[in-house]
Amino acid sequence: ETNFKTIVLSDIHLGTKGSKAKEVVRFLKQYQCENLILN
């Protein structure tokens, strides 16, 4: 895993067919951070 100070994610659009929810979870498992901003 790669550890970051801060990660910013936006526009996940959970609840829609186009949302890549599985990929988001996999991404967040791959990386760690002290601050996560969901914008």
PDB file of all heavy atoms in Angstrom:
ATOM      1  N   GLU A   1       0.826  -1.200   0.000  1.00  0.00           N
ATOM      2  CA  GLU A   1       0.000   0.000   0.000  1.00  0.00           C
ATOM      3  C   GLU A   1       0.863   1.254   0.000  1.00  0.00           C
ATOM      4  O   GLU A   1       1.959   1.281   0.542  1.00  0.00           O
ATOM      5  CB  GLU A   1      -0.910   0.017   1.229  1.00  0.00           C
ATOM      6  CG  GLU A   1      -1.969  -1.066   1.198  1.00  0.00           C
ATOM      7  CD  GLU A   1      -2.902  -0.975   2.378  1.00  0.00           C
ATOM      8  OE1 GLU A   1      -2.433  -0.647   3.482  1.00  0.00           O
ATOM      9  OE2 GLU A   1      -4.095  -1.246   2.203  1.00  0.00           O
ATOM     10  N   THR A   2       0.348   2.267  -0.646  1.00  0.00           N
ATOM     11  CA  THR A   2       1.015   3.561  -0.681  1.00  0.00           C
ATOM     12  C   THR A   2       0.276   4.503   0.244  1.00  0.00           C
ATOM     13  O   THR A   2      -0.936   4.623   0.187  1.00  0.00           O
ATOM     14  CB  THR A   2       1.021   4.123  -2.108  1.00  0.00           C
ATOM     15  OG1 THR A   2       1.672   3.192  -2.973  1.00  0.00           O
ATOM     16  CG2 THR A   2       1.755   5.439  -2.175  1.00  0.00           C
ATOM     17  N   ASN A   3       1.009   5.170   1.091  1.00  0.00           N
ATOM     18  CA  ASN A   3       0.409   6.041   2.096  1.00  0.00           C
ATOM     19  C   ASN A   3       0.557   7.501   1.691  1.00  0.00           C
ATOM     20  O   ASN A   3       1.651   7.975   1.430  1.00  0.00           O
ATOM     21  CB  ASN A   3       1.084   5.796   3.455  1.00  0.00           C
ATOM     22  CG  ASN A   3       0.356   6.486   4.587  1.00  0.00           C
ATOM     23  OD1 ASN A   3       0.291   7.707   4.626  1.00  0.00           O
ATOM     24  ND2 ASN A   3      -0.170   5.697   5.502  1.00  0.00           N
ATOM     25  N   PHE A   4      -0.572   8.208   1.649  1.00  0.00           N
ATOM     26  CA  PHE A   4      -0.591   9.616   1.284  1.00  0.00           C
ATOM     27  C   PHE A   4      -0.978  10.478   2.474  1.00  0.00           C
ATOM     28  O   PHE A   4      -1.554   9.997   3.451  1.00  0.00           O
ATOM     29  CB  PHE A   4      -1.589   9.867   0.156  1.00  0.00           C
ATOM     30  CG  PHE A   4      -1.205   9.251  -1.160  1.00  0.00           C
ATOM     31  CD1 PHE A   4      -1.822   8.097  -1.613  1.00  0.00           C
ATOM     32  CD2 PHE A   4      -0.221   9.822  -1.944  1.00  0.00           C
ATOM     33  CE1 PHE A   4      -1.475   7.530  -2.825  1.00  0.00           C
ATOM     34  CE2 PHE A   4       0.142   9.265  -3.163  1.00  0.00           C
ATOM     35  CZ  PHE A   4      -0.489   8.111  -3.606  1.00  0.00           C
ATOM     36  N   LYS A   5      -0.680  11.732   2.365  1.00  0.00           N
ATOM     37  CA  LYS A   5      -1.156  12.689   3.359  1.00  0.00           C
ATOM     38  C   LYS A   5      -2.650  12.964   3.134  1.00  0.00           C
ATOM     39  O   LYS A   5      -3.453  12.903   4.052  1.00  0.00           O
ATOM     40  CB  LYS A   5      -0.355  13.990   3.270  1.00  0.00           C
ATOM     41  CG  LYS A   5      -0.832  15.093   4.211  1.00  0.00           C
ATOM     42  CD  LYS A   5      -0.666  14.722   5.674  1.00  0.00           C
ATOM     43  CE  LYS A   5       0.798  14.675   6.047  1.00  0.00           C
ATOM     44  NZ  LYS A   5       0.992  14.410   7.496  1.00  0.00           N
ATOM     45  N   THR A   6      -3.017  13.278   1.884  1.00  0.00           N
ATOM     46  CA  THR A   6      -4.396  13.646   1.579  1.00  0.00           C
ATOM     47  C   THR A   6      -4.819  13.090   0.223  1.00  0.00           C
ATOM     48  O   THR A   6      -4.040  13.113  -0.731  1.00  0.00           O
ATOM     49  CB  THR A   6      -4.572  15.180   1.575  1.00  0.00           C
ATOM     50  OG1 THR A   6      -4.239  15.692   2.862  1.00  0.00           O
ATOM     51  CG2 THR A   6      -6.003  15.579   1.237  1.00  0.00           C
ATOM     52  N   ILE A   7      -6.046  12.592   0.151  1.00  0.00           N
ATOM     53  CA  ILE A   7      -6.645  12.143  -1.100  1.00  0.00           C
ATOM     54  C   ILE A   7      -7.978  12.861  -1.269  1.00  0.00           C
ATOM     55  O   ILE A   7      -8.745  12.998  -0.319  1.00  0.00           O
ATOM     56  CB  ILE A   7      -6.853  10.616  -1.131  1.00  0.00           C
ATOM     57  CG1 ILE A   7      -5.510   9.894  -1.197  1.00  0.00           C
ATOM     58  CG2 ILE A   7      -7.732  10.205  -2.306  1.00  0.00           C
ATOM     59  CD1 ILE A   7      -5.617   8.374  -1.155  1.00  0.00           C
ATOM     60  N   VAL A   8      -8.244  13.331  -2.487  1.00  0.00           N
ATOM     61  CA  VAL A   8      -9.507  13.994  -2.802  1.00  0.00           C
ATOM     62  C   VAL A   8     -10.226  13.218  -3.892  1.00  0.00           C
ATOM     63  O   VAL A   8      -9.669  12.978  -4.964  1.00  0.00           O
ATOM     64  CB  VAL A   8      -9.289  15.450  -3.280  1.00  0.00           C
ATOM     65  CG1 VAL A   8     -10.643  16.132  -3.535  1.00  0.00           C
ATOM     66  CG2 VAL A   8      -8.475  16.241  -2.263  1.00  0.00           C
ATOM     67  N   LEU A   9     -11.466  12.803  -3.599  1.00  0.00           N
ATOM     68  CA  LEU A   9     -12.331  12.140  -4.580  1.00  0.00           C
ATOM     69  C   LEU A   9     -13.594  12.966  -4.740  1.00  0.00           C
ATOM     70  O   LEU A   9     -14.066  13.582  -3.789  1.00  0.00           O
ATOM     71  CB  LEU A   9     -12.724  10.728  -4.116  1.00  0.00           C
ATOM     72  CG  LEU A   9     -11.632   9.714  -3.797  1.00  0.00           C
ATOM     73  CD1 LEU A   9     -12.276   8.425  -3.319  1.00  0.00           C
ATOM     74  CD2 LEU A   9     -10.783   9.452  -5.012  1.00  0.00           C
ATOM     75  N   SER A  10     -14.161  12.946  -5.940  1.00  0.00           N
ATOM     76  CA  SER A  10     -15.439  13.620  -6.155  1.00  0.00           C
ATOM     77  C   SER A  10     -16.233  12.890  -7.227  1.00  0.00           C
ATOM     78  O   SER A  10     -15.698  12.028  -7.942  1.00  0.00           O
ATOM     79  CB  SER A  10     -15.225  15.082  -6.575  1.00  0.00           C
ATOM     80  OG  SER A  10     -14.637  15.155  -7.858  1.00  0.00           O
ATOM     81  N   ASP A  11     -17.517  13.207  -7.310  1.00  0.00           N
ATOM     82  CA  ASP A  11     -18.381  12.738  -8.395  1.00  0.00           C
ATOM     83  C   ASP A  11     -18.364  11.214  -8.562  1.00  0.00           C
ATOM     84  O   ASP A  11     -18.127  10.700  -9.660  1.00  0.00           O
ATOM     85  CB  ASP A  11     -17.988  13.434  -9.696  1.00  0.00           C
ATOM     86  CG  ASP A  11     -18.159  14.942  -9.604  1.00  0.00           C
ATOM     87  OD1 ASP A  11     -19.280  15.436  -9.838  1.00  0.00           O
ATOM     88  OD2 ASP A  11     -17.174  15.626  -9.257  1.00  0.00           O
ATOM     89  N   ILE A  12     -18.619  10.503  -7.475  1.00  0.00           N
ATOM     90  CA  ILE A  12     -18.723   9.040  -7.528  1.00  0.00           C
ATOM     91  C   ILE A  12     -20.113   8.624  -7.996  1.00  0.00           C
ATOM     92  O   ILE A  12     -20.290   7.592  -8.627  1.00  0.00           O
ATOM     93  CB  ILE A  12     -18.395   8.431  -6.147  1.00  0.00           C
ATOM     94  CG1 ILE A  12     -16.975   8.826  -5.727  1.00  0.00           C
ATOM     95  CG2 ILE A  12     -18.526   6.919  -6.180  1.00  0.00           C
ATOM     96  CD1 ILE A  12     -16.580   8.347  -4.333  1.00  0.00           C
ATOM     97  N   HIS A  13     -21.124   9.413  -7.682  1.00  0.00           N
ATOM     98  CA  HIS A  13     -22.501   9.196  -8.135  1.00  0.00           C
ATOM     99  C   HIS A  13     -23.039   7.815  -7.751  1.00  0.00           C
ATOM    100  O   HIS A  13     -23.581   7.085  -8.598  1.00  0.00           O
ATOM    101  CB  HIS A  13     -22.611   9.419  -9.645  1.00  0.00           C
ATOM    102  CG  HIS A  13     -22.441  10.859 -10.046  1.00  0.00           C
ATOM    103  ND1 HIS A  13     -23.479  11.768 -10.016  1.00  0.00           N
ATOM    104  CD2 HIS A  13     -21.344  11.556 -10.459  1.00  0.00           C
ATOM    105  CE1 HIS A  13     -23.034  12.947 -10.397  1.00  0.00           C
ATOM    106  NE2 HIS A  13     -21.747  12.862 -10.667  1.00  0.00           N
ATOM    107  N   LEU A  14     -22.895   7.475  -6.483  1.00  0.00           N
ATOM    108  CA  LEU A  14     -23.455   6.224  -5.980  1.00  0.00           C
ATOM    109  C   LEU A  14     -24.970   6.250  -6.128  1.00  0.00           C
ATOM    110  O   LEU A  14     -25.622   7.245  -5.833  1.00  0.00           O
ATOM    111  CB  LEU A  14     -23.075   6.027  -4.515  1.00  0.00           C
ATOM    112  CG  LEU A  14     -21.576   5.907  -4.224  1.00  0.00           C
ATOM    113  CD1 LEU A  14     -21.334   5.861  -2.717  1.00  0.00           C
ATOM    114  CD2 LEU A  14     -20.985   4.682  -4.895  1.00  0.00           C
ATOM    115  N   GLY A  15     -25.541   5.123  -6.574  1.00  0.00           N
ATOM    116  CA  GLY A  15     -26.972   5.045  -6.826  1.00  0.00           C
ATOM    117  C   GLY A  15     -27.296   5.049  -8.303  1.00  0.00           C
ATOM    118  O   GLY A  15     -28.460   4.906  -8.684  1.00  0.00           O
ATOM    119  N   THR A  16     -26.263   5.209  -9.145  1.00  0.00           N
ATOM    120  CA  THR A  16     -26.463   5.196 -10.594  1.00  0.00           C
ATOM    121  C   THR A  16     -25.771   3.979 -11.208  1.00  0.00           C
ATOM    122  O   THR A  16     -24.855   3.397 -10.617  1.00  0.00           O
ATOM    123  CB  THR A  16     -25.893   6.464 -11.250  1.00  0.00           C
ATOM    124  OG1 THR A  16     -24.458   6.436 -11.152  1.00  0.00           O
ATOM    125  CG2 THR A  16     -26.414   7.710 -10.551  1.00  0.00           C
ATOM    126  N   LYS A  17     -26.204   3.621 -12.405  1.00  0.00           N
ATOM    127  CA  LYS A  17     -25.611   2.483 -13.100  1.00  0.00           C
ATOM    128  C   LYS A  17     -24.168   2.765 -13.513  1.00  0.00           C
ATOM    129  O   LYS A  17     -23.350   1.855 -13.588  1.00  0.00           O
ATOM    130  CB  LYS A  17     -26.442   2.144 -14.340  1.00  0.00           C
ATOM    131  CG  LYS A  17     -27.819   1.584 -14.023  1.00  0.00           C
ATOM    132  CD  LYS A  17     -28.576   1.231 -15.297  1.00  0.00           C
ATOM    133  CE  LYS A  17     -29.949   0.658 -14.984  1.00  0.00           C
ATOM    134  NZ  LYS A  17     -30.710   0.329 -16.223  1.00  0.00           N
ATOM    135  N   GLY A  18     -23.881   4.035 -13.783  1.00  0.00           N
ATOM    136  CA  GLY A  18     -22.547   4.378 -14.257  1.00  0.00           C
ATOM    137  C   GLY A  18     -21.492   4.480 -13.179  1.00  0.00           C
ATOM    138  O   GLY A  18     -20.297   4.538 -13.478  1.00  0.00           O
ATOM    139  N   SER A  19     -21.899   4.492 -11.913  1.00  0.00           N
ATOM    140  CA  SER A  19     -20.948   4.648 -10.821  1.00  0.00           C
ATOM    141  C   SER A  19     -20.031   3.440 -10.711  1.00  0.00           C
ATOM    142  O   SER A  19     -20.483   2.294 -10.692  1.00  0.00           O
ATOM    143  CB  SER A  19     -21.700   4.846  -9.501  1.00  0.00           C
ATOM    144  OG  SER A  19     -20.795   4.924  -8.423  1.00  0.00           O
ATOM    145  N   LYS A  20     -18.725   3.703 -10.606  1.00  0.00           N
ATOM    146  CA  LYS A  20     -17.742   2.624 -10.491  1.00  0.00           C
ATOM    147  C   LYS A  20     -17.426   2.366  -9.008  1.00  0.00           C
ATOM    148  O   LYS A  20     -16.305   2.573  -8.540  1.00  0.00           O
ATOM    149  CB  LYS A  20     -16.471   2.992 -11.256  1.00  0.00           C
ATOM    150  CG  LYS A  20     -16.704   3.292 -12.731  1.00  0.00           C
ATOM    151  CD  LYS A  20     -17.281   2.101 -13.462  1.00  0.00           C
ATOM    152  CE  LYS A  20     -17.297   2.331 -14.986  1.00  0.00           C
ATOM    153  NZ  LYS A  20     -18.222   3.414 -15.389  1.00  0.00           N
ATOM    154  N   ALA A  21     -18.436   1.907  -8.278  1.00  0.00           N
ATOM    155  CA  ALA A  21     -18.304   1.711  -6.829  1.00  0.00           C
ATOM    156  C   ALA A  21     -17.246   0.663  -6.485  1.00  0.00           C
ATOM    157  O   ALA A  21     -16.465   0.840  -5.545  1.00  0.00           O
ATOM    158  CB  ALA A  21     -19.657   1.319  -6.233  1.00  0.00           C
ATOM    159  N   LYS A  22     -17.211  -0.435  -7.220  1.00  0.00           N
ATOM    160  CA  LYS A  22     -16.230  -1.490  -6.937  1.00  0.00           C
ATOM    161  C   LYS A  22     -14.809  -0.959  -7.098  1.00  0.00           C
ATOM    162  O   LYS A  22     -13.910  -1.293  -6.311  1.00  0.00           O
ATOM    163  CB  LYS A  22     -16.457  -2.683  -7.865  1.00  0.00           C
ATOM    164  CG  LYS A  22     -17.748  -3.449  -7.580  1.00  0.00           C
ATOM    165  CD  LYS A  22     -17.885  -4.641  -8.514  1.00  0.00           C
ATOM    166  CE  LYS A  22     -19.171  -5.415  -8.228  1.00  0.00           C
ATOM    167  NZ  LYS A  22     -19.325  -6.572  -9.148  1.00  0.00           N
ATOM    168  N   GLU A  23     -14.622  -0.140  -8.125  1.00  0.00           N
ATOM    169  CA  GLU A  23     -13.294   0.426  -8.366  1.00  0.00           C
ATOM    170  C   GLU A  23     -12.902   1.409  -7.260  1.00  0.00           C
ATOM    171  O   GLU A  23     -11.732   1.472  -6.869  1.00  0.00           O
ATOM    172  CB  GLU A  23     -13.278   1.129  -9.725  1.00  0.00           C
ATOM    173  CG  GLU A  23     -13.283   0.196 -10.925  1.00  0.00           C
ATOM    174  CD  GLU A  23     -14.668  -0.325 -11.279  1.00  0.00           C
ATOM    175  OE1 GLU A  23     -15.637  -0.066 -10.542  1.00  0.00           O
ATOM    176  OE2 GLU A  23     -14.787  -1.006 -12.312  1.00  0.00           O
ATOM    177  N   VAL A  24     -13.872   2.156  -6.749  1.00  0.00           N
ATOM    178  CA  VAL A  24     -13.595   3.082  -5.643  1.00  0.00           C
ATOM    179  C   VAL A  24     -13.108   2.313  -4.424  1.00  0.00           C
ATOM    180  O   VAL A  24     -12.116   2.683  -3.787  1.00  0.00           O
ATOM    181  CB  VAL A  24     -14.846   3.909  -5.285  1.00  0.00           C
ATOM    182  CG1 VAL A  24     -14.586   4.744  -4.039  1.00  0.00           C
ATOM    183  CG2 VAL A  24     -15.242   4.820  -6.442  1.00  0.00           C
ATOM    184  N   VAL A  25     -13.812   1.236  -4.087  1.00  0.00           N
ATOM    185  CA  VAL A  25     -13.428   0.428  -2.929  1.00  0.00           C
ATOM    186  C   VAL A  25     -12.032  -0.154  -3.122  1.00  0.00           C
ATOM    187  O   VAL A  25     -11.192  -0.126  -2.214  1.00  0.00           O
ATOM    188  CB  VAL A  25     -14.448  -0.706  -2.689  1.00  0.00           C
ATOM    189  CG1 VAL A  25     -13.943  -1.667  -1.610  1.00  0.00           C
ATOM    190  CG2 VAL A  25     -15.800  -0.130  -2.287  1.00  0.00           C
ATOM    191  N   ARG A  26     -11.763  -0.653  -4.304  1.00  0.00           N
ATOM    192  CA  ARG A  26     -10.444  -1.236  -4.579  1.00  0.00           C
ATOM    193  C   ARG A  26      -9.351  -0.182  -4.478  1.00  0.00           C
ATOM    194  O   ARG A  26      -8.264  -0.439  -3.966  1.00  0.00           O
ATOM    195  CB  ARG A  26     -10.448  -1.864  -5.975  1.00  0.00           C
ATOM    196  CG  ARG A  26      -9.268  -2.796  -6.213  1.00  0.00           C
ATOM    197  CD  ARG A  26      -9.331  -3.424  -7.591  1.00  0.00           C
ATOM    198  NE  ARG A  26      -8.277  -4.421  -7.749  1.00  0.00           N
ATOM    199  CZ  ARG A  26      -7.910  -4.932  -8.915  1.00  0.00           C
ATOM    200  NH1 ARG A  26      -8.517  -4.527 -10.026  1.00  0.00           N
ATOM    201  NH2 ARG A  26      -6.945  -5.835  -8.983  1.00  0.00           N
ATOM    202  N   PHE A  27      -9.642   1.009  -4.978  1.00  0.00           N
ATOM    203  CA  PHE A  27      -8.692   2.109  -4.896  1.00  0.00           C
ATOM    204  C   PHE A  27      -8.390   2.462  -3.440  1.00  0.00           C
ATOM    205  O   PHE A  27      -7.228   2.631  -3.051  1.00  0.00           O
ATOM    206  CB  PHE A  27      -9.258   3.324  -5.636  1.00  0.00           C
ATOM    207  CG  PHE A  27      -8.407   4.563  -5.521  1.00  0.00           C
ATOM    208  CD1 PHE A  27      -7.344   4.765  -6.381  1.00  0.00           C
ATOM    209  CD2 PHE A  27      -8.671   5.519  -4.558  1.00  0.00           C
ATOM    210  CE1 PHE A  27      -6.551   5.906  -6.286  1.00  0.00           C
ATOM    211  CE2 PHE A  27      -7.895   6.663  -4.446  1.00  0.00           C
ATOM    212  CZ  PHE A  27      -6.826   6.848  -5.311  1.00  0.00           C
ATOM    213  N   LEU A  28      -9.434   2.586  -2.624  1.00  0.00           N
ATOM    214  CA  LEU A  28      -9.256   2.973  -1.221  1.00  0.00           C
ATOM    215  C   LEU A  28      -8.586   1.871  -0.400  1.00  0.00           C
ATOM    216  O   LEU A  28      -8.000   2.151   0.643  1.00  0.00           O
ATOM    217  CB  LEU A  28     -10.607   3.354  -0.610  1.00  0.00           C
ATOM    218  CG  LEU A  28     -11.239   4.643  -1.146  1.00  0.00           C
ATOM    219  CD1 LEU A  28     -12.611   4.862  -0.522  1.00  0.00           C
ATOM    220  CD2 LEU A  28     -10.326   5.843  -0.886  1.00  0.00           C
ATOM    221  N   LYS A  29      -8.672   0.635  -0.855  1.00  0.00           N
ATOM    222  CA  LYS A  29      -7.951  -0.448  -0.188  1.00  0.00           C
ATOM    223  C   LYS A  29      -6.467  -0.416  -0.566  1.00  0.00           C
ATOM    224  O   LYS A  29      -5.608  -0.838   0.213  1.00  0.00           O
ATOM    225  CB  LYS A  29      -8.546  -1.808  -0.571  1.00  0.00           C
ATOM    226  CG  LYS A  29      -9.877  -2.113   0.103  1.00  0.00           C
ATOM    227  CD  LYS A  29     -10.379  -3.494  -0.291  1.00  0.00           C
ATOM    228  CE  LYS A  29     -11.670  -3.834   0.433  1.00  0.00           C
ATOM    229  NZ  LYS A  29     -12.185  -5.173   0.041  1.00  0.00           N
ATOM    230  N   GLN A  30      -6.192   0.069  -1.745  1.00  0.00           N
ATOM    231  CA  GLN A  30      -4.806   0.124  -2.226  1.00  0.00           C
ATOM    232  C   GLN A  30      -4.016   1.234  -1.539  1.00  0.00           C
ATOM    233  O   GLN A  30      -2.819   1.090  -1.303  1.00  0.00           O
ATOM    234  CB  GLN A  30      -4.808   0.362  -3.748  1.00  0.00           C
ATOM    235  CG  GLN A  30      -3.447   0.429  -4.396  1.00  0.00           C
ATOM    236  CD  GLN A  30      -2.851  -0.954  -4.636  1.00  0.00           C
ATOM    237  OE1 GLN A  30      -3.453  -1.951  -4.279  1.00  0.00           O
ATOM    238  NE2 GLN A  30      -1.669  -0.997  -5.235  1.00  0.00           N
ATOM    239  N   TYR A  31      -4.687   2.332  -1.226  1.00  0.00           N
ATOM    240  CA  TYR A  31      -4.012   3.497  -0.674  1.00  0.00           C
ATOM    241  C   TYR A  31      -4.537   3.860   0.707  1.00  0.00           C
ATOM    242  O   TYR A  31      -5.713   3.651   1.014  1.00  0.00           O
ATOM    243  CB  TYR A  31      -4.189   4.709  -1.599  1.00  0.00           C
ATOM    244  CG  TYR A  31      -3.563   4.513  -2.951  1.00  0.00           C
ATOM    245  CD1 TYR A  31      -4.356   4.298  -4.073  1.00  0.00           C
ATOM    246  CD2 TYR A  31      -2.177   4.535  -3.106  1.00  0.00           C
ATOM    247  CE1 TYR A  31      -3.775   4.110  -5.319  1.00  0.00           C
ATOM    248  CE2 TYR A  31      -1.601   4.347  -4.342  1.00  0.00           C
ATOM    249  CZ  TYR A  31      -2.398   4.134  -5.444  1.00  0.00           C
ATOM    250  OH  TYR A  31      -1.826   3.940  -6.673  1.00  0.00           O
ATOM    251  N   GLN A  32      -3.667   4.422   1.510  1.00  0.00           N
ATOM    252  CA  GLN A  32      -4.029   4.952   2.815  1.00  0.00           C
ATOM    253  C   GLN A  32      -3.766   6.457   2.821  1.00  0.00           C
ATOM    254  O   GLN A  32      -2.939   6.949   2.060  1.00  0.00           O
ATOM    255  CB  GLN A  32      -3.212   4.287   3.924  1.00  0.00           C
ATOM    256  CG  GLN A  32      -3.520   2.808   4.103  1.00  0.00           C
ATOM    257  CD  GLN A  32      -2.673   2.203   5.207  1.00  0.00           C
ATOM    258  OE1 GLN A  32      -1.574   2.658   5.494  1.00  0.00           O
ATOM    259  NE2 GLN A  32      -3.192   1.163   5.838  1.00  0.00           N
ATOM    260  N   CYS A  33      -4.472   7.173   3.691  1.00  0.00           N
ATOM    261  CA  CYS A  33      -4.254   8.607   3.772  1.00  0.00           C
ATOM    262  C   CYS A  33      -4.660   9.119   5.146  1.00  0.00           C
ATOM    263  O   CYS A  33      -5.468   8.488   5.843  1.00  0.00           O
ATOM    264  CB  CYS A  33      -5.046   9.341   2.689  1.00  0.00           C
ATOM    265  SG  CYS A  33      -6.817   9.064   2.753  1.00  0.00           S
ATOM    266  N   GLU A  34      -4.094  10.236   5.526  1.00  0.00           N
ATOM    267  CA  GLU A  34      -4.461  10.862   6.791  1.00  0.00           C
ATOM    268  C   GLU A  34      -5.738  11.680   6.647  1.00  0.00           C
ATOM    269  O   GLU A  34      -6.516  11.802   7.590  1.00  0.00           O
ATOM    270  CB  GLU A  34      -3.317  11.752   7.282  1.00  0.00           C
ATOM    271  CG  GLU A  34      -2.060  10.975   7.634  1.00  0.00           C
ATOM    272  CD  GLU A  34      -0.942  11.870   8.123  1.00  0.00           C
ATOM    273  OE1 GLU A  34      -1.204  13.068   8.378  1.00  0.00           O
ATOM    274  OE2 GLU A  34       0.199  11.383   8.248  1.00  0.00           O
ATOM    275  N   ASN A  35      -5.948  12.257   5.465  1.00  0.00           N
ATOM    276  CA  ASN A  35      -7.138  13.063   5.190  1.00  0.00           C
ATOM    277  C   ASN A  35      -7.788  12.573   3.911  1.00  0.00           C
ATOM    278  O   ASN A  35      -7.117  12.461   2.883  1.00  0.00           O
ATOM    279  CB  ASN A  35      -6.779  14.543   5.027  1.00  0.00           C
ATOM    280  CG  ASN A  35      -6.005  15.090   6.206  1.00  0.00           C
ATOM    281  OD1 ASN A  35      -6.520  15.201   7.297  1.00  0.00           O
ATOM    282  ND2 ASN A  35      -4.736  15.413   5.969  1.00  0.00           N
ATOM    283  N   LEU A  36      -9.083  12.281   3.978  1.00  0.00           N
ATOM    284  CA  LEU A  36      -9.845  11.904   2.791  1.00  0.00           C
ATOM    285  C   LEU A  36     -10.950  12.933   2.605  1.00  0.00           C
ATOM    286  O   LEU A  36     -11.819  13.095   3.457  1.00  0.00           O
ATOM    287  CB  LEU A  36     -10.457  10.507   2.945  1.00  0.00           C
ATOM    288  CG  LEU A  36     -11.391  10.058   1.813  1.00  0.00           C
ATOM    289  CD1 LEU A  36     -10.621   9.938   0.499  1.00  0.00           C
ATOM    290  CD2 LEU A  36     -12.063   8.729   2.163  1.00  0.00           C
ATOM    291  N   ILE A  37     -10.906  13.654   1.480  1.00  0.00           N
ATOM    292  CA  ILE A  37     -11.907  14.668   1.183  1.00  0.00           C
ATOM    293  C   ILE A  37     -12.813  14.154   0.071  1.00  0.00           C
ATOM    294  O   ILE A  37     -12.347  13.876  -1.040  1.00  0.00           O
ATOM    295  CB  ILE A  37     -11.252  16.001   0.767  1.00  0.00           C
ATOM    296  CG1 ILE A  37     -10.373  16.524   1.912  1.00  0.00           C
ATOM    297  CG2 ILE A  37     -12.317  17.038   0.403  1.00  0.00           C
ATOM    298  CD1 ILE A  37      -9.588  17.774   1.565  1.00  0.00           C
ATOM    299  N   LEU A  38     -14.092  13.984   0.392  1.00  0.00           N
ATOM    300  CA  LEU A  38     -15.090  13.549  -0.575  1.00  0.00           C
ATOM    301  C   LEU A  38     -15.806  14.800  -1.068  1.00  0.00           C
ATOM    302  O   LEU A  38     -16.690  15.331  -0.401  1.00  0.00           O
ATOM    303  CB  LEU A  38     -16.072  12.574   0.093  1.00  0.00           C
ATOM    304  CG  LEU A  38     -15.430  11.326   0.718  1.00  0.00           C
ATOM    305  CD1 LEU A  38     -16.464  10.524   1.489  1.00  0.00           C
ATOM    306  CD2 LEU A  38     -14.759  10.459  -0.351  1.00  0.00           C
ATOM    307  N   ASN A  39     -15.421  15.259  -2.238  1.00  0.00           N
ATOM    308  CA  ASN A  39     -15.802  16.600  -2.684  1.00  0.00           C
ATOM    309  C   ASN A  39     -17.046  16.619  -3.576  1.00  0.00           C
ATOM    310  O   ASN A  39     -17.006  17.061  -4.724  1.00  0.00           O
ATOM    311  CB  ASN A  39     -14.628  17.275  -3.397  1.00  0.00           C
ATOM    312  CG  ASN A  39     -14.824  18.776  -3.522  1.00  0.00           C
ATOM    313  OD1 ASN A  39     -15.754  19.342  -2.967  1.00  0.00           O
ATOM    314  ND2 ASN A  39     -13.940  19.420  -4.268  1.00  0.00           N
TER     315      ASN A  39
END
